[in-house]
Protein backbone atom coordinates (compact mmCIF):
# COMPACT_ATOMS: atom_id res chain seq x y z
CA MET A 1 5.45 -22.55 7.23
CA LYS A 2 3.97 -25.16 10.40
CA LYS A 3 2.69 -22.37 12.28
CA LEU A 4 0.16 -20.88 9.62
CA PRO A 5 -1.97 -24.02 9.85
CA LEU A 6 -2.16 -24.09 13.62
CA ILE A 7 -2.58 -19.98 13.46
CA ALA A 8 -5.59 -21.33 11.55
CA ALA A 9 -7.23 -23.23 13.27
CA THR A 10 -6.75 -21.47 16.48
CA ALA A 11 -8.85 -18.72 14.75
CA VAL A 12 -10.98 -21.03 13.03
CA THR A 13 -11.62 -22.67 17.01
CA LEU A 14 -12.00 -19.63 18.29
CA ALA A 15 -14.77 -18.05 15.76
CA VAL A 16 -16.71 -21.02 16.39
CA ALA A 17 -16.42 -20.94 19.91
CA LEU A 18 -17.29 -17.20 19.84
CA SER A 19 -20.18 -17.16 17.43
CA ALA A 20 -21.76 -20.64 20.10
CA CYS A 21 -22.11 -17.63 22.86
CA SER A 22 -23.42 -15.46 20.90
CA LYS A 23 -26.30 -17.33 19.40
CA PRO A 24 -29.60 -17.78 21.37
CA ASN A 25 -30.78 -21.26 23.11
CA ASN A 26 -33.88 -21.65 21.30
CA ASN A 27 -34.74 -24.32 23.39
CA GLU A 28 -35.45 -21.60 26.32
CA PRO A 29 -37.72 -19.08 26.31
CA MET A 30 -35.36 -15.62 25.88
CA ASN A 31 -35.88 -13.56 29.22
CA ASN A 32 -33.09 -11.90 30.00
CA ASN A 33 -35.02 -8.42 29.05
CA ALA A 34 -33.65 -5.98 31.88
CA GLU A 35 -36.99 -4.51 31.99
CA SER A 36 -38.50 -6.95 32.94
CA SER A 37 -36.96 -8.64 35.23
CA PRO A 38 -39.01 -7.63 38.86
CA ALA A 39 -36.55 -4.94 40.35
CA THR A 40 -36.21 -3.25 36.76
CA MET A 41 -40.31 -3.41 37.01
CA GLU A 42 -40.56 -2.42 40.47
CA LYS A 43 -38.41 0.64 39.35
CA ASN A 44 -40.04 2.05 36.70
CA THR A 45 -43.54 1.34 38.19
CA ALA A 46 -41.96 3.63 41.07
CA ASP A 47 -40.62 6.42 38.11
CA THR A 48 -43.99 6.15 36.40
CA ASN A 49 -46.21 6.56 39.67
CA MET A 50 -43.72 9.32 41.11
CA ALA A 51 -44.52 11.25 37.15
CA ARG A 52 -47.98 10.95 38.22
CA ALA A 53 -48.09 12.45 42.23
CA ASP A 54 -45.67 15.31 40.71
CA SER A 55 -47.82 17.08 38.98
CA ALA A 56 -48.93 20.92 39.22
CA GLN A 57 -51.92 20.03 41.91
CA THR A 58 -49.78 18.08 43.66
CA SER A 59 -46.19 20.17 43.44
CA LEU A 60 -47.33 23.62 42.53
CA ASP A 61 -49.00 25.95 44.91
CA TRP A 62 -51.74 26.74 42.58
CA ALA A 63 -54.07 27.98 44.88
CA GLY A 64 -54.35 31.90 44.55
CA GLU A 65 -55.50 34.68 42.80
CA TYR A 66 -54.47 34.88 39.37
CA GLY A 67 -54.68 38.54 36.70
CA GLY A 68 -54.26 39.69 33.31
CA VAL A 69 -56.04 40.86 30.01
CA PHE A 70 -56.96 38.64 28.09
CA PRO A 71 -57.88 39.71 23.72
CA CYS A 72 -61.09 41.07 22.69
CA ALA A 73 -63.00 41.16 19.38
CA ASP A 74 -64.87 43.98 19.74
CA CYS A 75 -63.78 45.88 22.64
CA GLU A 76 -59.96 47.12 24.41
CA GLY A 77 -59.59 43.78 26.08
CA ILE A 78 -61.00 41.78 28.92
CA LYS A 79 -59.83 41.90 32.24
CA VAL A 80 -59.53 39.13 34.04
CA GLU A 81 -59.66 37.89 37.84
CA LEU A 82 -59.58 34.24 38.93
CA ASP A 83 -59.34 33.10 42.57
CA LEU A 84 -58.57 29.26 42.98
CA HIS A 85 -59.38 28.18 46.39
CA PRO A 86 -58.03 24.96 48.31
CA ASP A 87 -60.94 23.60 48.41
CA LYS A 88 -61.38 23.34 43.78
CA THR A 89 -63.81 25.95 44.48
CA TYR A 90 -63.12 29.60 42.24
CA GLU A 91 -64.49 33.16 41.59
CA LEU A 92 -63.86 34.42 38.25
CA ASN A 93 -64.44 38.47 37.36
CA GLU A 94 -64.52 39.58 33.79
CA GLU A 95 -64.58 43.32 32.98
CA TYR A 96 -65.09 43.60 29.10
CA LEU A 97 -62.72 47.17 28.62
CA GLY A 98 -63.89 49.76 27.26
CA LYS A 99 -67.39 48.71 26.52
CA THR A 100 -70.87 50.77 27.97
CA GLY A 101 -73.53 49.30 29.81
CA LYS A 102 -73.29 45.78 31.85
CA ASN A 103 -69.46 44.94 31.57
CA GLU A 104 -68.38 43.09 34.17
CA PHE A 105 -69.69 39.20 35.23
CA GLU A 106 -68.59 37.47 38.30
CA THR A 107 -69.54 33.78 38.43
CA LYS A 108 -68.16 30.86 41.30
CA GLY A 109 -68.11 27.77 40.75
CA SER A 110 -66.15 24.74 41.03
CA PHE A 111 -62.99 23.18 39.75
CA SER A 112 -61.22 19.99 38.76
CA PHE A 113 -57.64 18.74 37.67
CA ASP A 114 -57.87 16.72 35.03
CA PRO A 115 -56.66 13.09 35.22
CA GLN A 116 -55.12 12.79 32.04
CA ASP A 117 -53.42 15.86 32.42
CA PRO A 118 -53.02 17.01 35.79
CA SER A 119 -51.70 20.75 35.00
CA ILE A 120 -54.79 21.35 33.51
CA ILE A 121 -57.72 22.70 35.37
CA THR A 122 -61.16 22.70 33.77
CA LEU A 123 -63.80 25.43 35.52
CA ASP A 124 -66.97 24.20 36.06
CA ASN A 125 -70.10 24.71 33.53
CA HIS A 126 -71.02 27.75 35.32
CA ALA A 127 -68.03 29.44 33.43
CA ASP A 128 -68.79 27.49 30.40
CA ASN A 129 -66.34 24.52 31.42
CA ARG A 130 -62.32 26.63 30.02
CA LYS A 131 -59.60 24.87 30.31
CA PHE A 132 -56.20 26.69 31.69
CA PHE A 133 -52.81 25.03 32.45
CA VAL A 134 -51.17 25.43 35.60
CA GLY A 135 -47.94 26.84 35.66
CA GLU A 136 -45.34 28.21 38.35
CA ASN A 137 -47.21 31.65 39.19
CA PHE A 138 -49.14 31.50 36.40
CA ILE A 139 -52.63 29.94 34.19
CA GLU A 140 -52.75 30.09 30.72
CA ALA A 141 -55.82 29.74 29.18
CA ARG A 142 -56.16 26.32 26.84
CA ASP A 143 -58.65 25.59 23.89
CA VAL A 144 -61.74 24.21 25.52
CA GLU A 145 -62.57 21.30 24.11
CA SER A 146 -58.89 19.89 23.52
CA GLY A 147 -57.15 21.47 26.86
CA LYS A 148 -53.98 22.42 24.28
CA LYS A 149 -52.17 25.88 23.93
CA ILE A 150 -54.57 28.45 21.82
CA ASP A 151 -52.82 28.70 18.08
CA SER A 152 -52.12 32.40 18.94
CA ASN A 153 -49.45 34.72 19.35
CA LEU A 154 -52.34 37.04 21.87
CA ASN A 155 -51.65 36.53 25.65
CA TYR A 156 -53.71 34.14 27.29
CA LYS A 157 -51.29 33.86 30.82
CA LEU A 158 -52.85 35.04 34.36
CA VAL A 159 -50.06 35.98 36.65
CA LYS A 160 -50.67 35.20 39.82
CA LYS A 161 -50.71 37.71 42.36
CA SER A 162 -50.49 36.32 45.97
CA ALA A 163 -51.81 33.80 47.90
CA SER A 164 -55.47 32.66 49.39
């Protein structure tokens, strides 16, 4: 029977000791967050910079000739050839299939990678500022205003033919 009060006293002492370890010291600012340590902040910054550096512009072989047929409301389709040059100039050729008269158009100009989303290129105003997503061996037309994927089941992809 004498052991029961001893066990209870030991349990209470242990509980008090453990609870004291888990309480923060309110007199000192809490700065033990692992994410705010200098080493972790440096690593997070490096990871962020690497993610920015590893984009379509820097990691894909985007220069080359792309081709395909886009949907057309009043013709059989639009045969599109877009040649992207390493100096960030382009040549865009479009042929409206099944149309009579002037149905072929050529546009030349420059393009830029979107600084907010480097997987998106924007052709200059000669091509109505059209936007394309740059993928591995393809590009895909995007919404001109937002740069987001066009909400359609129709094909807006151009497949890479060859490097330039």
